[in-house]
PDB file of N, CA and C in Angstrom:
ATOM      1  N   MET A   1     144.455 128.866  88.881  1.00  0.00           N
ATOM      2  CA  MET A   1     144.051 127.584  87.876  1.00  0.00           C
ATOM      3  C   MET A   1     144.443 128.154  86.567  1.00  0.00           C
ATOM      4  N   GLU A   2     144.982 127.427  85.959  1.00  0.00           N
ATOM      5  CA  GLU A   2     145.584 127.547  84.584  1.00  0.00           C
ATOM      6  C   GLU A   2     144.498 127.528  83.231  1.00  0.00           C
ATOM      7  N   ASN A   3     144.594 128.364  82.505  1.00  0.00           N
ATOM      8  CA  ASN A   3     143.875 128.470  81.555  1.00  0.00           C
ATOM      9  C   ASN A   3     144.109 127.125  80.606  1.00  0.00           C
ATOM     10  N   PRO A   4     143.474 125.998  79.999  1.00  0.00           N
ATOM     11  CA  PRO A   4     143.924 125.163  79.182  1.00  0.00           C
ATOM     12  C   PRO A   4     144.138 125.705  77.918  1.00  0.00           C
ATOM     13  N   PHE A   5     143.336 126.790  77.293  1.00  0.00           N
ATOM     14  CA  PHE A   5     143.745 126.957  76.118  1.00  0.00           C
ATOM     15  C   PHE A   5     145.426 127.737  75.964  1.00  0.00           C
ATOM     16  N   GLU A   6     145.595 128.328  76.775  1.00  0.00           N
ATOM     17  CA  GLU A   6     146.886 129.038  76.768  1.00  0.00           C
ATOM     18  C   GLU A   6     147.975 128.093  77.007  1.00  0.00           C
ATOM     19  N   THR A   7     147.916 127.013  77.673  1.00  0.00           N
ATOM     20  CA  THR A   7     148.790 126.147  78.089  1.00  0.00           C
ATOM     21  C   THR A   7     149.078 125.091  77.407  1.00  0.00           C
ATOM     22  N   GLY A   8     148.310 124.800  76.344  1.00  0.00           N
ATOM     23  CA  GLY A   8     148.390 123.613  75.157  1.00  0.00           C
ATOM     24  C   GLY A   8     147.596 122.470  75.557  1.00  0.00           C
ATOM     25  N   HIS A   9     146.701 122.380  76.816  1.00  0.00           N
ATOM     26  CA  HIS A   9     146.068 121.138  77.181  1.00  0.00           C
ATOM     27  C   HIS A   9     144.955 120.797  76.707  1.00  0.00           C
ATOM     28  N   ILE A  10     144.592 121.925  75.610  1.00  0.00           N
ATOM     29  CA  ILE A  10     143.160 121.583  75.064  1.00  0.00           C
ATOM     30  C   ILE A  10     143.571 120.625  74.025  1.00  0.00           C
ATOM     31  N   LYS A  11     144.669 120.339  73.805  1.00  0.00           N
ATOM     32  CA  LYS A  11     144.781 119.145  72.669  1.00  0.00           C
ATOM     33  C   LYS A  11     144.602 117.950  73.372  1.00  0.00           C
ATOM     34  N   ASN A  12     144.862 117.775  74.845  1.00  0.00           N
ATOM     35  CA  ASN A  12     144.276 116.529  75.495  1.00  0.00           C
ATOM     36  C   ASN A  12     143.096 116.675  75.519  1.00  0.00           C
ATOM     37  N   TYR A  13     142.413 117.432  75.621  1.00  0.00           N
ATOM     38  CA  TYR A  13     140.838 117.286  75.859  1.00  0.00           C
ATOM     39  C   TYR A  13     140.298 116.870  74.763  1.00  0.00           C
ATOM     40  N   ILE A  14     140.644 117.490  73.716  1.00  0.00           N
ATOM     41  CA  ILE A  14     140.268 116.817  72.074  1.00  0.00           C
ATOM     42  C   ILE A  14     140.225 115.651  71.718  1.00  0.00           C
ATOM     43  N   LEU A  15     141.810 115.144  72.331  1.00  0.00           N
ATOM     44  CA  LEU A  15     141.935 113.980  71.896  1.00  0.00           C
ATOM     45  C   LEU A  15     141.143 112.848  72.685  1.00  0.00           C
ATOM     46  N   PHE A  16     140.916 113.187  73.779  1.00  0.00           N
ATOM     47  CA  PHE A  16     140.160 112.394  75.018  1.00  0.00           C
ATOM     48  C   PHE A  16     138.712 112.454  74.206  1.00  0.00           C
ATOM     49  N   TYR A  17     138.281 113.166  74.087  1.00  0.00           N
ATOM     50  CA  TYR A  17     136.931 113.446  73.699  1.00  0.00           C
ATOM     51  C   TYR A  17     136.831 112.722  72.076  1.00  0.00           C
ATOM     52  N   ILE A  18     137.709 112.436  71.136  1.00  0.00           N
ATOM     53  CA  ILE A  18     137.651 111.793  70.190  1.00  0.00           C
ATOM     54  C   ILE A  18     137.963 110.334  70.536  1.00  0.00           C
ATOM     55  N   GLY A  19     138.820 109.882  71.412  1.00  0.00           N
ATOM     56  CA  GLY A  19     138.945 108.803  71.785  1.00  0.00           C
ATOM     57  C   GLY A  19     137.643 108.327  72.124  1.00  0.00           C
ATOM     58  N   ILE A  20     136.864 109.124  73.090  1.00  0.00           N
ATOM     59  CA  ILE A  20     135.271 108.615  73.376  1.00  0.00           C
ATOM     60  C   ILE A  20     134.327 108.155  72.319  1.00  0.00           C
ATOM     61  N   VAL A  21     134.602 108.960  71.466  1.00  0.00           N
ATOM     62  CA  VAL A  21     133.752 108.981  69.999  1.00  0.00           C
ATOM     63  C   VAL A  21     133.960 107.630  69.472  1.00  0.00           C
ATOM     64  N   LEU A  22     135.285 107.645  69.500  1.00  0.00           N
ATOM     65  CA  LEU A  22     135.817 106.427  68.569  1.00  0.00           C
ATOM     66  C   LEU A  22     135.350 104.933  69.289  1.00  0.00           C
ATOM     67  N   ILE A  23     135.391 105.075  70.620  1.00  0.00           N
ATOM     68  CA  ILE A  23     135.090 103.634  71.326  1.00  0.00           C
ATOM     69  C   ILE A  23     133.616 103.722  71.339  1.00  0.00           C
ATOM     70  N   MET A  24     132.792 104.605  71.181  1.00  0.00           N
ATOM     71  CA  MET A  24     131.178 104.520  71.106  1.00  0.00           C
ATOM     72  C   MET A  24     131.004 103.885  69.988  1.00  0.00           C
ATOM     73  N   ILE A  25     131.497 104.525  68.560  1.00  0.00           N
ATOM     74  CA  ILE A  25     131.482 104.065  67.223  1.00  0.00           C
ATOM     75  C   ILE A  25     131.623 102.323  67.112  1.00  0.00           C
ATOM     76  N   LEU A  26     133.013 102.017  67.783  1.00  0.00           N
ATOM     77  CA  LEU A  26     133.511 100.766  67.619  1.00  0.00           C
ATOM     78  C   LEU A  26     132.501  99.890  68.175  1.00  0.00           C
ATOM     79  N   PHE A  27     131.951 100.096  69.520  1.00  0.00           N
ATOM     80  CA  PHE A  27     131.146  99.488  70.168  1.00  0.00           C
ATOM     81  C   PHE A  27     129.588  99.401  69.205  1.00  0.00           C
ATOM     82  N   PHE A  28     129.033 100.281  68.406  1.00  0.00           N
ATOM     83  CA  PHE A  28     127.908 100.076  67.999  1.00  0.00           C
ATOM     84  C   PHE A  28     128.295  99.535  66.731  1.00  0.00           C
ATOM     85  N   ILE A  29     129.169  99.433  65.931  1.00  0.00           N
ATOM     86  CA  ILE A  29     129.713  98.236  64.729  1.00  0.00           C
ATOM     87  C   ILE A  29     129.739  96.918  65.420  1.00  0.00           C
ATOM     88  N   ALA A  30     130.414  96.873  66.606  1.00  0.00           N
ATOM     89  CA  ALA A  30     130.491  95.410  66.914  1.00  0.00           C
ATOM     90  C   ALA A  30     129.304  94.739  67.200  1.00  0.00           C
ATOM     91  N   SER A  31     128.349  95.665  67.935  1.00  0.00           N
ATOM     92  CA  SER A  31     127.069  95.129  68.146  1.00  0.00           C
ATOM     93  C   SER A  31     126.129  94.900  67.272  1.00  0.00           C
ATOM     94  N   SER A  32     126.568  95.495  66.111  1.00  0.00           N
ATOM     95  CA  SER A  32     125.370  95.394  64.889  1.00  0.00           C
ATOM     96  C   SER A  32     125.858  94.136  64.206  1.00  0.00           C
ATOM     97  N   LEU A  33     127.198  94.052  64.056  1.00  0.00           N
ATOM     98  CA  LEU A  33     127.799  93.127  63.371  1.00  0.00           C
ATOM     99  C   LEU A  33     127.492  91.566  63.964  1.00  0.00           C
ATOM    100  N   PHE A  34     127.333  91.619  65.012  1.00  0.00           N
ATOM    101  CA  PHE A  34     127.313  90.321  65.875  1.00  0.00           C
ATOM    102  C   PHE A  34     125.735  90.180  66.292  1.00  0.00           C
ATOM    103  N   ASN A  35     124.854  91.087  66.060  1.00  0.00           N
ATOM    104  CA  ASN A  35     123.270  90.862  66.507  1.00  0.00           C
ATOM    105  C   ASN A  35     122.534  90.233  65.084  1.00  0.00           C
ATOM    106  N   ASP A  36     122.099  88.955  65.303  1.00  0.00           N
ATOM    107  CA  ASP A  36     121.623  88.022  64.394  1.00  0.00           C
ATOM    108  C   ASP A  36     120.017  88.621  64.299  1.00  0.00           C
ATOM    109  N   ILE A  37     119.604  88.971  63.129  1.00  0.00           N
ATOM    110  CA  ILE A  37     118.248  89.176  62.960  1.00  0.00           C
ATOM    111  C   ILE A  37     117.348  87.880  62.601  1.00  0.00           C
ATOM    112  N   LYS A  38     116.427  87.712  63.400  1.00  0.00           N
ATOM    113  CA  LYS A  38     115.568  86.825  63.296  1.00  0.00           C
ATOM    114  C   LYS A  38     114.294  87.097  62.277  1.00  0.00           C
ATOM    115  N   THR A  39     114.020  85.766  61.470  1.00  0.00           N
ATOM    116  CA  THR A  39     112.654  86.182  60.464  1.00  0.00           C
ATOM    117  C   THR A  39     111.763  85.674  61.228  1.00  0.00           C
ATOM    118  N   VAL A  40     110.537  86.666  61.193  1.00  0.00           N
ATOM    119  CA  VAL A  40     109.518  86.258  61.840  1.00  0.00           C
ATOM    120  C   VAL A  40     108.375  85.665  60.823  1.00  0.00           C
ATOM    121  N   ASP A  41     107.872  84.241  61.135  1.00  0.00           N
ATOM    122  CA  ASP A  41     107.027  83.896  60.212  1.00  0.00           C
ATOM    123  C   ASP A  41     105.426  84.621  59.954  1.00  0.00           C
ATOM    124  N   LYS A  42     105.000  84.424  59.250  1.00  0.00           N
ATOM    125  CA  LYS A  42     103.682  85.218  59.426  1.00  0.00           C
ATOM    126  C   LYS A  42     102.677  84.223  59.867  1.00  0.00           C
ATOM    127  N   ARG A  43     101.830  84.792  60.761  1.00  0.00           N
ATOM    128  CA  ARG A  43     100.877  83.837  61.623  1.00  0.00           C
ATOM    129  C   ARG A  43      99.437  83.857  60.739  1.00  0.00           C
ATOM    130  N   LYS A  44      98.902  83.098  60.799  1.00  0.00           N
ATOM    131  CA  LYS A  44      97.860  82.719  59.879  1.00  0.00           C
ATOM    132  C   LYS A  44      96.452  82.267  61.005  1.00  0.00           C
ATOM    133  N   PHE A  45      95.470  83.294  61.325  1.00  0.00           N
ATOM    134  CA  PHE A  45      94.670  82.876  62.194  1.00  0.00           C
ATOM    135  C   PHE A  45      93.556  82.200  61.332  1.00  0.00           C
ATOM    136  N   ASP A  46      92.779  81.219  62.356  1.00  0.00           N
ATOM    137  CA  ASP A  46      91.775  80.200  62.039  1.00  0.00           C
ATOM    138  C   ASP A  46      90.563  81.164  61.492  1.00  0.00           C
ATOM    139  N   THR A  47      89.959  81.274  60.343  1.00  0.00           N
ATOM    140  CA  THR A  47      88.710  81.799  60.146  1.00  0.00           C
ATOM    141  C   THR A  47      87.507  81.221  60.309  1.00  0.00           C
ATOM    142  N   ASN A  48      87.620  79.935  60.523  1.00  0.00           N
ATOM    143  CA  ASN A  48      86.727  79.185  60.843  1.00  0.00           C
ATOM    144  C   ASN A  48      86.039  79.248  62.073  1.00  0.00           C
ATOM    145  N   ILE A  49      84.773  79.872  61.905  1.00  0.00           N
ATOM    146  CA  ILE A  49      84.197  79.892  63.437  1.00  0.00           C
ATOM    147  C   ILE A  49      83.710  78.823  63.996  1.00  0.00           C
ATOM    148  N   THR A  50      83.759  77.823  65.014  1.00  0.00           N
ATOM    149  CA  THR A  50      82.935  76.930  65.629  1.00  0.00           C
ATOM    150  C   THR A  50      82.249  77.517  66.798  1.00  0.00           C
ATOM    151  N   LYS A  51      81.123  76.759  66.760  1.00  0.00           N
ATOM    152  CA  LYS A  51      80.109  77.084  67.520  1.00  0.00           C
ATOM    153  C   LYS A  51      80.272  76.064  68.896  1.00  0.00           C
ATOM    154  N   GLN A  52      80.069  76.779  70.184  1.00  0.00           N
ATOM    155  CA  GLN A  52      80.265  76.078  71.547  1.00  0.00           C
ATOM    156  C   GLN A  52      79.197  75.356  71.337  1.00  0.00           C
ATOM    157  N   ASN A  53      79.033  74.098  72.129  1.00  0.00           N
ATOM    158  CA  ASN A  53      77.738  73.300  72.254  1.00  0.00           C
ATOM    159  C   ASN A  53      77.344  73.541  73.740  1.00  0.00           C
ATOM    160  N   ASP A  54      76.067  73.283  73.894  1.00  0.00           N
ATOM    161  CA  ASP A  54      75.290  73.650  75.252  1.00  0.00           C
ATOM    162  C   ASP A  54      75.995  73.054  76.245  1.00  0.00           C
ATOM    163  N   SER A  55      76.609  72.044  76.443  1.00  0.00           N
ATOM    164  CA  SER A  55      77.114  71.586  77.872  1.00  0.00           C
ATOM    165  C   SER A  55      78.189  72.335  78.139  1.00  0.00           C
ATOM    166  N   THR A  56      79.322  72.992  76.904  1.00  0.00           N
ATOM    167  CA  THR A  56      80.545  73.865  77.588  1.00  0.00           C
ATOM    168  C   THR A  56      79.885  75.086  78.102  1.00  0.00           C
ATOM    169  N   LEU A  57      78.607  75.704  77.378  1.00  0.00           N
ATOM    170  CA  LEU A  57      77.899  76.794  78.209  1.00  0.00           C
ATOM    171  C   LEU A  57      77.390  76.710  79.477  1.00  0.00           C
ATOM    172  N   GLN A  58      76.797  75.471  79.306  1.00  0.00           N
ATOM    173  CA  GLN A  58      76.527  75.380  81.044  1.00  0.00           C
ATOM    174  C   GLN A  58      77.758  75.377  81.821  1.00  0.00           C
ATOM    175  N   LYS A  59      78.861  74.825  81.315  1.00  0.00           N
ATOM    176  CA  LYS A  59      79.961  74.532  82.598  1.00  0.00           C
ATOM    177  C   LYS A  59      80.136  75.837  82.846  1.00  0.00           C
ATOM    178  N   ASN A  60      80.470  76.779  82.006  1.00  0.00           N
ATOM    179  CA  ASN A  60      80.794  78.127  82.103  1.00  0.00           C
ATOM    180  C   ASN A  60      79.841  78.710  82.803  1.00  0.00           C
ATOM    181  N   LYS A  61      78.736  78.647  82.504  1.00  0.00           N
ATOM    182  CA  LYS A  61      77.680  79.363  83.619  1.00  0.00           C
ATOM    183  C   LYS A  61      77.840  78.843  84.850  1.00  0.00           C
ATOM    184  N   ILE A  62      78.047  77.633  85.474  1.00  0.00           N
ATOM    185  CA  ILE A  62      78.246  76.947  86.408  1.00  0.00           C
ATOM    186  C   ILE A  62      79.507  77.803  87.259  1.00  0.00           C
ATOM    187  N   ASN A  63      80.679  77.622  86.644  1.00  0.00           N
ATOM    188  CA  ASN A  63      81.851  78.187  87.137  1.00  0.00           C
ATOM    189  C   ASN A  63      81.623  79.766  87.466  1.00  0.00           C
ATOM    190  N   ASN A  64      80.732  80.223  86.876  1.00  0.00           N
ATOM    191  CA  ASN A  64      80.915  81.900  86.830  1.00  0.00           C
ATOM    192  C   ASN A  64      80.113  81.991  88.202  1.00  0.00           C
ATOM    193  N   THR A  65      78.831  80.879  88.434  1.00  0.00           N
ATOM    194  CA  THR A  65      78.204  81.255  89.646  1.00  0.00           C
ATOM    195  C   THR A  65      79.159  81.025  90.921  1.00  0.00           C
ATOM    196  N   ASN A  66      79.979  80.305  90.900  1.00  0.00           N
ATOM    197  CA  ASN A  66      80.737  79.756  92.081  1.00  0.00           C
ATOM    198  C   ASN A  66      81.915  80.830  92.370  1.00  0.00           C
ATOM    199  N   LEU A  67      81.552  81.956  92.089  1.00  0.00           N
ATOM    200  CA  LEU A  67      82.510  82.969  92.225  1.00  0.00           C
ATOM    201  C   LEU A  67      82.485  83.697  93.775  1.00  0.00           C
ATOM    202  N   LYS A  68      83.431  84.014  93.781  1.00  0.00           N
ATOM    203  CA  LYS A  68      83.714  84.735  95.495  1.00  0.00           C
ATOM    204  C   LYS A  68      82.875  86.056  95.402  1.00  0.00           C
ATOM    205  N   PHE A  69      82.823  86.821  94.471  1.00  0.00           N
ATOM    206  CA  PHE A  69      81.940  88.073  94.505  1.00  0.00           C
ATOM    207  C   PHE A  69      81.007  87.802  93.729  1.00  0.00           C
ATOM    208  N   LYS A  70      79.419  88.545  94.239  1.00  0.00           N
ATOM    209  CA  LYS A  70      78.509  88.480  93.440  1.00  0.00           C
ATOM    210  C   LYS A  70      78.242  89.741  92.844  1.00  0.00           C
ATOM    211  N   LEU A  71      77.598  89.749  91.667  1.00  0.00           N
ATOM    212  CA  LEU A  71      77.739  91.168  90.951  1.00  0.00           C
ATOM    213  C   LEU A  71      76.303  91.859  90.999  1.00  0.00           C
ATOM    214  N   LEU A  72      76.095  92.862  91.067  1.00  0.00           N
ATOM    215  CA  LEU A  72      74.883  93.594  91.347  1.00  0.00           C
ATOM    216  C   LEU A  72      73.607  93.220  90.289  1.00  0.00           C
ATOM    217  N   PRO A  73      72.549  93.196  90.505  1.00  0.00           N
ATOM    218  CA  PRO A  73      71.817  93.083  89.192  1.00  0.00           C
ATOM    219  C   PRO A  73      71.568  93.933  88.340  1.00  0.00           C
ATOM    220  N   ASN A  74      71.582  95.384  88.739  1.00  0.00           N
ATOM    221  CA  ASN A  74      71.433  96.460  87.761  1.00  0.00           C
ATOM    222  C   ASN A  74      72.706  97.294  88.125  1.00  0.00           C
ATOM    223  N   ALA A  75      73.537  97.715  86.713  1.00  0.00           N
ATOM    224  CA  ALA A  75      74.500  98.399  86.752  1.00  0.00           C
ATOM    225  C   ALA A  75      73.707 100.112  87.004  1.00  0.00           C
ATOM    226  N   TYR A  76      74.729 100.789  87.767  1.00  0.00           N
ATOM    227  CA  TYR A  76      74.373 102.234  87.925  1.00  0.00           C
ATOM    228  C   TYR A  76      75.525 102.953  87.330  1.00  0.00           C
TER     229      TYR A  76
END
């Protein structure tokens, strides 16, 4: 096997490495140029607390009692 340092092939290895790095840099630049940055609107949350009336609470309780699994009355 020949030593690449003695035969002058090291120049080819260095040029190959530089070519790969340049291709990576070009892809990075191309992806950053065509990447559109979207502006996100600031969200406002409703700070007014609305109370649920009794009919919706009763419907929720009725729906909870028709569950497939029954919970234990005491937590262990």
